[in-house]
C-alpha atoms as a PDB file:
ATOM      1  CA  MET A   1     -14.681 -16.436  -2.655  1.00  0.00           C
ATOM      2  CA  PRO A   2     -15.696 -17.401  -5.826  1.00  0.00           C
ATOM      3  CA  ASP A   3     -13.809 -16.102  -8.727  1.00  0.00           C
ATOM      4  CA  SER A   4     -16.235 -13.692  -9.830  1.00  0.00           C
ATOM      5  CA  ALA A   5     -14.647 -11.887  -6.431  1.00  0.00           C
ATOM      6  CA  LEU A   6     -18.333 -10.307  -5.505  1.00  0.00           C
ATOM      7  CA  PRO A   7     -21.687 -12.245  -5.625  1.00  0.00           C
ATOM      8  CA  ARG A   8     -23.767  -9.234  -7.622  1.00  0.00           C
ATOM      9  CA  PRO A   9     -21.768  -6.098  -9.881  1.00  0.00           C
ATOM     10  CA  ILE A  10     -21.062  -2.839  -8.363  1.00  0.00           C
ATOM     11  CA  SER A  11     -21.730  -0.977 -11.113  1.00  0.00           C
ATOM     12  CA  LEU A  12     -21.113   2.463 -11.942  1.00  0.00           C
ATOM     13  CA  ASP A  13     -24.526   4.343 -10.571  1.00  0.00           C
ATOM     14  CA  HIS A  14     -24.105   2.768  -7.253  1.00  0.00           C
ATOM     15  CA  VAL A  15     -20.881   5.139  -6.408  1.00  0.00           C
ATOM     16  CA  GLN A  16     -22.451   8.811  -6.242  1.00  0.00           C
ATOM     17  CA  SER A  17     -18.645   9.772  -5.396  1.00  0.00           C
ATOM     18  CA  VAL A  18     -15.057   9.842  -4.863  1.00  0.00           C
ATOM     19  CA  THR A  19     -12.074  11.384  -3.489  1.00  0.00           C
ATOM     20  CA  ALA A  20      -8.644  10.652  -2.569  1.00  0.00           C
ATOM     21  CA  GLY A  21      -6.149  12.440  -0.016  1.00  0.00           C
ATOM     22  CA  SER A  22      -2.568  12.430   1.272  1.00  0.00           C
ATOM     23  CA  ILE A  23      -1.102  13.496   4.765  1.00  0.00           C
ATOM     24  CA  VAL A  24       2.266  13.201   6.204  1.00  0.00           C
ATOM     25  CA  TYR A  25       1.145  13.158  10.351  1.00  0.00           C
ATOM     26  CA  PRO A  26       4.151  14.396  12.526  1.00  0.00           C
ATOM     27  CA  PRO A  27       4.873  12.392  15.519  1.00  0.00           C
ATOM     28  CA  GLY A  28       2.268  11.251  18.155  1.00  0.00           C
ATOM     29  CA  GLY A  29      -0.790  12.298  15.901  1.00  0.00           C
ATOM     30  CA  ARG A  30      -4.149  11.469  17.295  1.00  0.00           C
ATOM     31  CA  PHE A  31      -7.432  11.714  15.213  1.00  0.00           C
ATOM     32  CA  GLY A  32     -11.571  10.827  15.606  1.00  0.00           C
ATOM     33  CA  PRO A  33     -12.914   9.051  16.981  1.00  0.00           C
ATOM     34  CA  ARG A  34     -15.175   9.378  13.506  1.00  0.00           C
ATOM     35  CA  ILE A  35     -18.006   7.475  12.167  1.00  0.00           C
ATOM     36  CA  GLN A  36     -16.994   6.919   8.538  1.00  0.00           C
ATOM     37  CA  GLN A  37     -19.256   7.766   6.196  1.00  0.00           C
ATOM     38  CA  ASP A  38     -17.647   5.814   3.047  1.00  0.00           C
ATOM     39  CA  ILE A  39     -15.535   2.582   1.857  1.00  0.00           C
ATOM     40  CA  GLN A  40     -12.628   4.169   2.617  1.00  0.00           C
ATOM     41  CA  LEU A  41      -8.951   2.573   1.399  1.00  0.00           C
ATOM     42  CA  VAL A  42      -6.153   3.447   3.746  1.00  0.00           C
ATOM     43  CA  LEU A  43      -2.735   3.477   2.222  1.00  0.00           C
ATOM     44  CA  LEU A  44       0.282   3.399   4.913  1.00  0.00           C
ATOM     45  CA  HIS A  45       3.428   3.999   3.418  1.00  0.00           C
ATOM     46  CA  SER A  46       5.733   5.256   6.350  1.00  0.00           C
ATOM     47  CA  GLY A  47       5.512   4.968  10.064  1.00  0.00           C
ATOM     48  CA  GLU A  48       2.660   3.569  12.324  1.00  0.00           C
ATOM     49  CA  MET A  49      -0.823   3.374  12.657  1.00  0.00           C
ATOM     50  CA  ARG A  50      -2.983   2.015  15.150  1.00  0.00           C
ATOM     51  CA  VAL A  51      -6.702   2.393  13.833  1.00  0.00           C
ATOM     52  CA  SER A  52      -9.846   1.275  16.263  1.00  0.00           C
ATOM     53  CA  ILE A  53     -12.847   0.371  14.703  1.00  0.00           C
ATOM     54  CA  GLU A  54     -15.634   0.084  16.877  1.00  0.00           C
ATOM     55  CA  GLY A  55     -13.245  -0.409  19.619  1.00  0.00           C
ATOM     56  CA  GLN A  56     -11.107  -3.059  17.977  1.00  0.00           C
ATOM     57  CA  MET A  57      -7.478  -1.730  18.022  1.00  0.00           C
ATOM     58  CA  MET A  58      -5.044  -3.547  15.278  1.00  0.00           C
ATOM     59  CA  GLN A  59      -1.783  -2.210  14.574  1.00  0.00           C
ATOM     60  CA  VAL A  60      -0.963  -0.949  10.463  1.00  0.00           C
ATOM     61  CA  GLN A  61       2.808  -1.449   9.289  1.00  0.00           C
ATOM     62  CA  PRO A  62       4.034   0.565   6.078  1.00  0.00           C
ATOM     63  CA  GLY A  63       3.625  -1.228   2.979  1.00  0.00           C
ATOM     64  CA  HIS A  64      -0.458  -2.106   4.327  1.00  0.00           C
ATOM     65  CA  VAL A  65      -3.867  -0.942   3.494  1.00  0.00           C
ATOM     66  CA  VAL A  66      -6.563  -0.352   6.204  1.00  0.00           C
ATOM     67  CA  LYS A  67      -9.993  -1.393   4.272  1.00  0.00           C
ATOM     68  CA  LEU A  68     -12.818   0.801   6.522  1.00  0.00           C
ATOM     69  CA  MET A  69     -16.741   0.376   6.285  1.00  0.00           C
ATOM     70  CA  PRO A  70     -19.580   3.228   6.543  1.00  0.00           C
ATOM     71  CA  GLY A  71     -21.537   3.527   9.897  1.00  0.00           C
ATOM     72  CA  TYR A  72     -18.038   2.460  12.083  1.00  0.00           C
ATOM     73  CA  GLU A  73     -16.654   4.523  14.838  1.00  0.00           C
ATOM     74  CA  GLU A  74     -12.880   4.727  14.322  1.00  0.00           C
ATOM     75  CA  ARG A  75     -10.255   6.615  16.069  1.00  0.00           C
ATOM     76  CA  PHE A  76      -6.520   6.618  14.711  1.00  0.00           C
ATOM     77  CA  ALA A  77      -2.761   6.800  16.273  1.00  0.00           C
ATOM     78  CA  PHE A  78       0.205   7.286  14.872  1.00  0.00           C
ATOM     79  CA  ALA A  79       3.704   7.292  15.163  1.00  0.00           C
ATOM     80  CA  GLU A  80       5.562   8.498  18.679  1.00  0.00           C
ATOM     81  CA  ASP A  81       8.843   8.676  17.301  1.00  0.00           C
ATOM     82  CA  GLU A  82       8.386   9.586  13.364  1.00  0.00           C
ATOM     83  CA  GLU A  83       6.363  11.104  10.981  1.00  0.00           C
ATOM     84  CA  THR A  84       3.192   8.750   9.269  1.00  0.00           C
ATOM     85  CA  TRP A  85       2.502   9.275   5.561  1.00  0.00           C
ATOM     86  CA  HIS A  86      -1.157   7.498   4.322  1.00  0.00           C
ATOM     87  CA  ARG A  87      -2.879   8.320   1.281  1.00  0.00           C
ATOM     88  CA  TRP A  88      -6.745   7.492   0.782  1.00  0.00           C
ATOM     89  CA  ILE A  89      -9.344   6.676  -1.724  1.00  0.00           C
ATOM     90  CA  ALA A  90     -12.917   7.371   0.171  1.00  0.00           C
ATOM     91  CA  VAL A  91     -16.095   5.632  -1.967  1.00  0.00           C
ATOM     92  CA  HIS A  92     -18.923   7.212  -1.391  1.00  0.00           C
ATOM     93  CA  VAL A  93     -21.737   4.360  -2.510  1.00  0.00           C
ATOM     94  CA  GLU A  94     -25.847   4.445  -1.870  1.00  0.00           C
ATOM     95  CA  GLU A  95     -27.821   1.729  -2.641  1.00  0.00           C
ATOM     96  CA  LEU A  96     -25.548  -0.748  -2.794  1.00  0.00           C
ATOM     97  CA  PRO A  97     -27.066  -4.398  -2.665  1.00  0.00           C
ATOM     98  CA  GLU A  98     -26.598  -5.714   0.874  1.00  0.00           C
ATOM     99  CA  GLU A  99     -24.929  -9.405  -0.328  1.00  0.00           C
ATOM    100  CA  THR A 100     -22.119  -7.248  -1.908  1.00  0.00           C
ATOM    101  CA  LEU A 101     -22.076  -4.607   1.089  1.00  0.00           C
ATOM    102  CA  THR A 102     -22.069  -7.492   3.694  1.00  0.00           C
ATOM    103  CA  LEU A 103     -19.156  -9.345   1.546  1.00  0.00           C
ATOM    104  CA  MET A 104     -17.191  -6.240   1.081  1.00  0.00           C
ATOM    105  CA  ALA A 105     -17.277  -6.408   5.190  1.00  0.00           C
ATOM    106  CA  GLU A 106     -16.469 -10.211   5.637  1.00  0.00           C
ATOM    107  CA  LEU A 107     -13.310  -9.238   3.126  1.00  0.00           C
ATOM    108  CA  PRO A 108      -9.806  -8.954   5.197  1.00  0.00           C
ATOM    109  CA  VAL A 109      -9.475  -5.100   7.168  1.00  0.00           C
ATOM    110  CA  VAL A 110      -6.087  -5.280   6.165  1.00  0.00           C
ATOM    111  CA  LEU A 111      -4.017  -6.397   3.078  1.00  0.00           C
ATOM    112  CA  PRO A 112      -0.164  -5.881   1.986  1.00  0.00           C
ATOM    113  CA  LEU A 113      -0.476  -3.104  -0.668  1.00  0.00           C
ATOM    114  CA  SER A 114       0.286  -3.756  -3.708  1.00  0.00           C
ATOM    115  CA  GLU A 115       1.535  -1.797  -7.246  1.00  0.00           C
ATOM    116  CA  GLU A 116      -2.161  -1.496  -8.915  1.00  0.00           C
ATOM    117  CA  LEU A 117      -3.261   0.164  -6.113  1.00  0.00           C
ATOM    118  CA  ASN A 118      -1.047   2.342  -5.656  1.00  0.00           C
ATOM    119  CA  HIS A 119      -1.044   3.311  -8.968  1.00  0.00           C
ATOM    120  CA  LEU A 120      -4.949   4.335  -9.117  1.00  0.00           C
ATOM    121  CA  THR A 121      -4.158   6.029  -6.213  1.00  0.00           C
ATOM    122  CA  ASP A 122      -1.729   8.164  -8.253  1.00  0.00           C
ATOM    123  CA  LEU A 123      -4.081   8.422 -10.759  1.00  0.00           C
ATOM    124  CA  LEU A 124      -6.852   9.472  -8.437  1.00  0.00           C
ATOM    125  CA  LEU A 125      -4.659  12.546  -6.789  1.00  0.00           C
ATOM    126  CA  SER A 126      -3.431  13.555 -10.227  1.00  0.00           C
ATOM    127  CA  VAL A 127      -6.298  14.604 -11.580  1.00  0.00           C
ATOM    128  CA  GLN A 128      -9.422  15.091  -8.972  1.00  0.00           C
ATOM    129  CA  HIS A 129      -7.780  18.697  -8.955  1.00  0.00           C
ATOM    130  CA  ARG A 130      -9.317  19.485 -12.141  1.00  0.00           C
ATOM    131  CA  THR A 131     -12.790  17.623 -11.691  1.00  0.00           C
ATOM    132  CA  TYR A 132     -15.212  17.073  -8.740  1.00  0.00           C
ATOM    133  CA  PRO A 133     -15.598  14.197  -6.512  1.00  0.00           C
ATOM    134  CA  GLY A 134     -19.261  12.960  -8.890  1.00  0.00           C
ATOM    135  CA  ASP A 135     -16.831  13.707 -12.295  1.00  0.00           C
ATOM    136  CA  PRO A 136     -17.806   9.857 -13.755  1.00  0.00           C
ATOM    137  CA  LEU A 137     -13.840  10.026 -14.400  1.00  0.00           C
ATOM    138  CA  LEU A 138     -13.749   9.765 -10.695  1.00  0.00           C
ATOM    139  CA  ARG A 139     -16.087   7.973  -9.829  1.00  0.00           C
ATOM    140  CA  THR A 140     -14.999   5.017 -12.141  1.00  0.00           C
ATOM    141  CA  LEU A 141     -11.330   5.290 -10.829  1.00  0.00           C
ATOM    142  CA  GLY A 142     -13.071   4.498  -6.880  1.00  0.00           C
ATOM    143  CA  LEU A 143     -15.599   1.713  -8.515  1.00  0.00           C
ATOM    144  CA  ALA A 144     -12.233   0.219  -9.948  1.00  0.00           C
ATOM    145  CA  ALA A 145     -10.103   0.567  -6.576  1.00  0.00           C
ATOM    146  CA  LEU A 146     -13.703  -1.317  -5.024  1.00  0.00           C
ATOM    147  CA  GLN A 147     -13.306  -3.921  -7.692  1.00  0.00           C
ATOM    148  CA  LEU A 148      -9.280  -4.668  -7.049  1.00  0.00           C
ATOM    149  CA  TYR A 149      -9.399  -5.095  -3.247  1.00  0.00           C
ATOM    150  CA  PRO A 150     -11.460  -8.050  -3.625  1.00  0.00           C
ATOM    151  CA  LEU A 151      -8.970  -9.813  -6.489  1.00  0.00           C
ATOM    152  CA  GLU A 152      -6.404  -8.641  -4.032  1.00  0.00           C
ATOM    153  CA  SER A 153      -7.218 -10.374  -0.854  1.00  0.00           C
ATOM    154  CA  LYS A 154      -7.959 -13.636  -3.925  1.00  0.00           C
ATOM    155  CA  ARG A 155      -4.098 -12.969  -4.976  1.00  0.00           C
ATOM    156  CA  VAL A 156      -3.039 -13.296  -1.039  1.00  0.00           C
ATOM    157  CA  THR A 157      -5.150 -15.756   0.051  1.00  0.00           C
ATOM    158  CA  GLU A 158      -3.276 -17.577  -3.190  1.00  0.00           C
ATOM    159  CA  ARG A 159       0.274 -16.510  -2.174  1.00  0.00           C
ATOM    160  CA  GLU A 160      -0.319 -17.502   1.428  1.00  0.00           C
ATOM    161  CA  ASN A 161      -0.502 -21.480  -0.184  1.00  0.00           C
ATOM    162  CA  HIS A 162       2.925 -21.290   1.021  1.00  0.00           C
ATOM    163  CA  SER A 163       3.531 -19.597   4.068  1.00  0.00           C
ATOM    164  CA  SER A 164       7.043 -18.864   4.605  1.00  0.00           C
ATOM    165  CA  VAL A 165       7.499 -16.713   1.081  1.00  0.00           C
ATOM    166  CA  TYR A 166       4.170 -14.797   2.298  1.00  0.00           C
ATOM    167  CA  THR A 167       6.001 -14.140   6.241  1.00  0.00           C
ATOM    168  CA  ALA A 168       9.387 -13.570   4.971  1.00  0.00           C
ATOM    169  CA  ILE A 169       7.579 -10.275   2.391  1.00  0.00           C
ATOM    170  CA  SER A 170       5.883  -8.893   5.439  1.00  0.00           C
ATOM    171  CA  TRP A 171       8.762  -9.314   7.076  1.00  0.00           C
ATOM    172  CA  MET A 172      10.732  -7.186   4.915  1.00  0.00           C
ATOM    173  CA  LYS A 173       8.457  -4.563   4.162  1.00  0.00           C
ATOM    174  CA  GLU A 174       8.291  -4.104   8.129  1.00  0.00           C
ATOM    175  CA  HIS A 175      11.687  -3.694   9.016  1.00  0.00           C
ATOM    176  CA  LEU A 176      12.600  -2.397   5.125  1.00  0.00           C
ATOM    177  CA  MET A 177      15.059   0.298   7.499  1.00  0.00           C
ATOM    178  CA  GLU A 178      17.264  -2.727   9.241  1.00  0.00           C
ATOM    179  CA  GLU A 179      19.825  -4.729   7.200  1.00  0.00           C
ATOM    180  CA  ILE A 180      18.296  -7.809   6.379  1.00  0.00           C
ATOM    181  CA  SER A 181      20.441 -10.797   5.318  1.00  0.00           C
ATOM    182  CA  LEU A 182      19.129 -14.020   3.996  1.00  0.00           C
ATOM    183  CA  THR A 183      18.940 -16.141   6.910  1.00  0.00           C
ATOM    184  CA  ASP A 184      17.270 -13.038   8.792  1.00  0.00           C
ATOM    185  CA  LEU A 185      14.554 -13.646   6.057  1.00  0.00           C
ATOM    186  CA  ALA A 186      15.224 -17.584   6.668  1.00  0.00           C
ATOM    187  CA  SER A 187      14.904 -17.479  10.012  1.00  0.00           C
ATOM    188  CA  LYS A 188      11.501 -15.581  10.174  1.00  0.00           C
ATOM    189  CA  ALA A 189      10.119 -17.892   7.377  1.00  0.00           C
ATOM    190  CA  GLY A 190      10.671 -21.252   9.360  1.00  0.00           C
ATOM    191  CA  VAL A 191      12.859 -22.774   6.259  1.00  0.00           C
ATOM    192  CA  SER A 192      16.575 -23.055   5.863  1.00  0.00           C
ATOM    193  CA  SER A 193      18.156 -20.090   3.369  1.00  0.00           C
ATOM    194  CA  GLU A 194      18.526 -22.469   0.113  1.00  0.00           C
ATOM    195  CA  HIS A 195      14.589 -23.734   0.719  1.00  0.00           C
ATOM    196  CA  LEU A 196      13.582 -20.075   0.950  1.00  0.00           C
ATOM    197  CA  VAL A 197      15.639 -19.057  -1.906  1.00  0.00           C
ATOM    198  CA  ARG A 198      13.921 -21.319  -3.929  1.00  0.00           C
ATOM    199  CA  LEU A 199      10.649 -21.100  -2.894  1.00  0.00           C
ATOM    200  CA  PHE A 200      10.962 -17.637  -4.136  1.00  0.00           C
ATOM    201  CA  ARG A 201      11.863 -18.629  -7.275  1.00  0.00           C
ATOM    202  CA  HIS A 202       9.058 -21.445  -7.295  1.00  0.00           C
ATOM    203  CA  TYR A 203       6.690 -18.512  -5.980  1.00  0.00           C
ATOM    204  CA  GLU A 204       7.962 -14.823  -7.140  1.00  0.00           C
ATOM    205  CA  ASN A 205      10.823 -16.148  -9.961  1.00  0.00           C
ATOM    206  CA  ASP A 206      12.955 -14.177  -7.675  1.00  0.00           C
ATOM    207  CA  THR A 207      15.639 -14.280  -5.408  1.00  0.00           C
ATOM    208  CA  PRO A 208      14.599 -13.056  -1.702  1.00  0.00           C
ATOM    209  CA  ILE A 209      16.732 -10.170  -1.878  1.00  0.00           C
ATOM    210  CA  HIS A 210      16.763  -9.292  -5.165  1.00  0.00           C
ATOM    211  CA  TYR A 211      12.919  -8.597  -3.596  1.00  0.00           C
ATOM    212  CA  LEU A 212      14.147  -7.025  -0.405  1.00  0.00           C
ATOM    213  CA  TRP A 213      15.798  -4.471  -3.483  1.00  0.00           C
ATOM    214  CA  LYS A 214      13.054  -3.718  -5.506  1.00  0.00           C
ATOM    215  CA  LEU A 215      11.117  -3.132  -2.360  1.00  0.00           C
ATOM    216  CA  ARG A 216      12.931  -0.412  -0.897  1.00  0.00           C
ATOM    217  CA  VAL A 217      14.061   1.173  -4.676  1.00  0.00           C
ATOM    218  CA  ASN A 218       9.884   1.362  -5.340  1.00  0.00           C
ATOM    219  CA  LYS A 219       9.656   2.709  -1.059  1.00  0.00           C
ATOM    220  CA  ALA A 220      12.780   5.465  -1.752  1.00  0.00           C
ATOM    221  CA  ILE A 221      10.370   6.030  -5.425  1.00  0.00           C
ATOM    222  CA  ASP A 222       7.512   7.006  -3.285  1.00  0.00           C
ATOM    223  CA  LEU A 223       9.475   9.469  -1.145  1.00  0.00           C
ATOM    224  CA  LEU A 224      11.210  10.914  -3.764  1.00  0.00           C
ATOM    225  CA  VAL A 225       7.479  12.224  -5.158  1.00  0.00           C
ATOM    226  CA  HIS A 226       5.350  12.451  -2.546  1.00  0.00           C
ATOM    227  CA  THR A 227       7.690  13.965  -0.062  1.00  0.00           C
ATOM    228  CA  GLY A 228      10.338  16.717   0.655  1.00  0.00           C
ATOM    229  CA  LEU A 229      12.612  14.458   2.034  1.00  0.00           C
ATOM    230  CA  THR A 230      16.185  15.083   1.465  1.00  0.00           C
ATOM    231  CA  VAL A 231      17.362  11.466  -0.927  1.00  0.00           C
ATOM    232  CA  THR A 232      19.777  11.088   2.576  1.00  0.00           C
ATOM    233  CA  GLU A 233      16.922  10.758   4.447  1.00  0.00           C
ATOM    234  CA  ILE A 234      14.693   8.873   1.866  1.00  0.00           C
ATOM    235  CA  ALA A 235      18.346   6.534   2.062  1.00  0.00           C
ATOM    236  CA  GLU A 236      18.111   6.025   5.969  1.00  0.00           C
ATOM    237  CA  ARG A 237      14.167   5.162   5.693  1.00  0.00           C
ATOM    238  CA  CYS A 238      14.408   2.382   3.110  1.00  0.00           C
ATOM    239  CA  GLY A 239      16.882   1.121   4.592  1.00  0.00           C
ATOM    240  CA  TYR A 240      20.157   1.772   2.477  1.00  0.00           C
ATOM    241  CA  GLN A 241      23.892   2.600   4.483  1.00  0.00           C
ATOM    242  CA  THR A 242      24.834   5.216   1.997  1.00  0.00           C
ATOM    243  CA  THR A 243      23.215   7.410  -0.559  1.00  0.00           C
ATOM    244  CA  HIS A 244      25.698   5.750  -2.939  1.00  0.00           C
ATOM    245  CA  HIS A 245      24.099   2.782  -2.322  1.00  0.00           C
ATOM    246  CA  LEU A 246      20.695   4.061  -3.078  1.00  0.00           C
ATOM    247  CA  ALA A 247      22.025   5.700  -6.566  1.00  0.00           C
ATOM    248  CA  ARG A 248      23.333   2.198  -7.541  1.00  0.00           C
ATOM    249  CA  GLN A 249      20.357   0.419  -6.826  1.00  0.00           C
ATOM    250  CA  MET A 250      18.276   2.986  -8.658  1.00  0.00           C
ATOM    251  CA  LYS A 251      20.387   3.357 -11.750  1.00  0.00           C
ATOM    252  CA  GLN A 252      19.859  -0.339 -12.027  1.00  0.00           C
ATOM    253  CA  MET A 253      16.139  -0.875 -11.500  1.00  0.00           C
ATOM    254  CA  THR A 254      14.816   1.917 -13.098  1.00  0.00           C
ATOM    255  CA  GLY A 255      17.968   3.431 -15.315  1.00  0.00           C
ATOM    256  CA  LEU A 256      17.249   7.077 -14.117  1.00  0.00           C
ATOM    257  CA  THR A 257      19.185   8.783 -10.741  1.00  0.00           C
ATOM    258  CA  ALA A 258      16.498   9.914  -7.540  1.00  0.00           C
ATOM    259  CA  THR A 259      16.583  13.300  -9.027  1.00  0.00           C
ATOM    260  CA  GLN A 260      15.626  12.211 -12.581  1.00  0.00           C
ATOM    261  CA  VAL A 261      12.619  10.387 -10.557  1.00  0.00           C
ATOM    262  CA  ARG A 262      11.817  13.019  -8.612  1.00  0.00           C
ATOM    263  CA  ARG A 263      11.617  15.573 -11.509  1.00  0.00           C
ATOM    264  CA  ASN A 264       9.576  12.945 -13.397  1.00  0.00           C
ATOM    265  CA  SER A 265       7.147  13.447 -10.845  1.00  0.00           C
ATOM    266  CA  TRP A 266       7.402  16.983 -11.536  1.00  0.00           C
ATOM    267  CA  LYS A 267       6.733  16.816 -15.472  1.00  0.00           C
ATOM    268  CA  GLY A 268       3.870  13.726 -15.189  1.00  0.00           C
ATOM    269  CA  LEU A 269       6.324  11.845 -16.896  1.00  0.00           C
ATOM    270  CA  GLY A 270       5.607   8.789 -14.317  1.00  0.00           C
ATOM    271  CA  THR A 271       7.115   7.244 -11.051  1.00  0.00           C
ATOM    272  CA  ASN A 272       9.112   3.937 -12.656  1.00  0.00           C
ATOM    273  CA  ARG A 273       8.617   1.679  -9.729  1.00  0.00           C
ATOM    274  CA  ILE A 274       9.534  -1.946 -10.305  1.00  0.00           C
ATOM    275  CA  ARG A 275       7.517  -4.563  -9.785  1.00  0.00           C
ATOM    276  CA  SER A 276       7.208  -6.722  -7.225  1.00  0.00           C
END
C-alpha cells in the first residue's frame, strides 16, 4: 500500500451519516442474516464472534476489529459459554470513488484493535446522543475512522516484519484470561525466551510480560467503563488471580483505583488507558 494509504482521499462530502453503538450479547447469541448498508468497523472486546460474509466464515477473538463493506450478506454467531461485548462504527458513504472503495475492500478484514480506534469509538459514543447522524461532527469522526483503518493495516504490516513479536502479541490478546508465562509466549512465537525479550525491546520498547500487563490493565479499564461487571468478575476475565493483583497493577500504571477509573468515566474525565 502506498504511503498515502488511499489513492484518492475520502472527503467529508462522501460521508452521509455516522452511528456508533455498543452491545453485550448473551451466551449463544445470533444476529442476521442482513445486507450491510455501510462501511462498518466492529470492535470485539470480550467473548467471541464468528462472522459469515457471503458464506465465508471467520472467527474473531477479543482485541480485534472487523471491517464490513456495503452490499454483502452477513451472519453473526457469538460465544456459547460467555457474554460477548462489541462496539461498532457505521459510516454511510455515497458516491465514493470506485478506486477508493475497491482499495478499502482489499484491506484486511480483521486487524488488531488499536488504542486510537478505541478512543475514537469512545468519543463517538459520547457525543452522538447530543446530536444527529448527519451532524458534521459525527461525519468528521466517521471520516477519521475510515482514514485510520488503512493506517492500522500498514502498522500491522510493519510489525509483521518480525512475525515472532506479532504472534506473541496476538496470542496474548486471545488468552488474557489464562495464566501466561514468558516461556509460553516464546514457545508460541517460535523463539527462545531471551530472544523474545530482545525482540520486544527492539520493536515495542518493552518486555513481553510488561506488555501483557498493559493489555490486561487496558481490558480491565474497558470493562470498568463499559460494563456493570464487579471488580472480581473483571479481574477473572483479565487473567488476574485476585482483585488485589488487579488493584496493584491498576494503581501502578494509571495512578487510580478501579473504583476511581469507573467513577471518572461516569463524570466524563477519561479512561486512563495505557499505551501499548
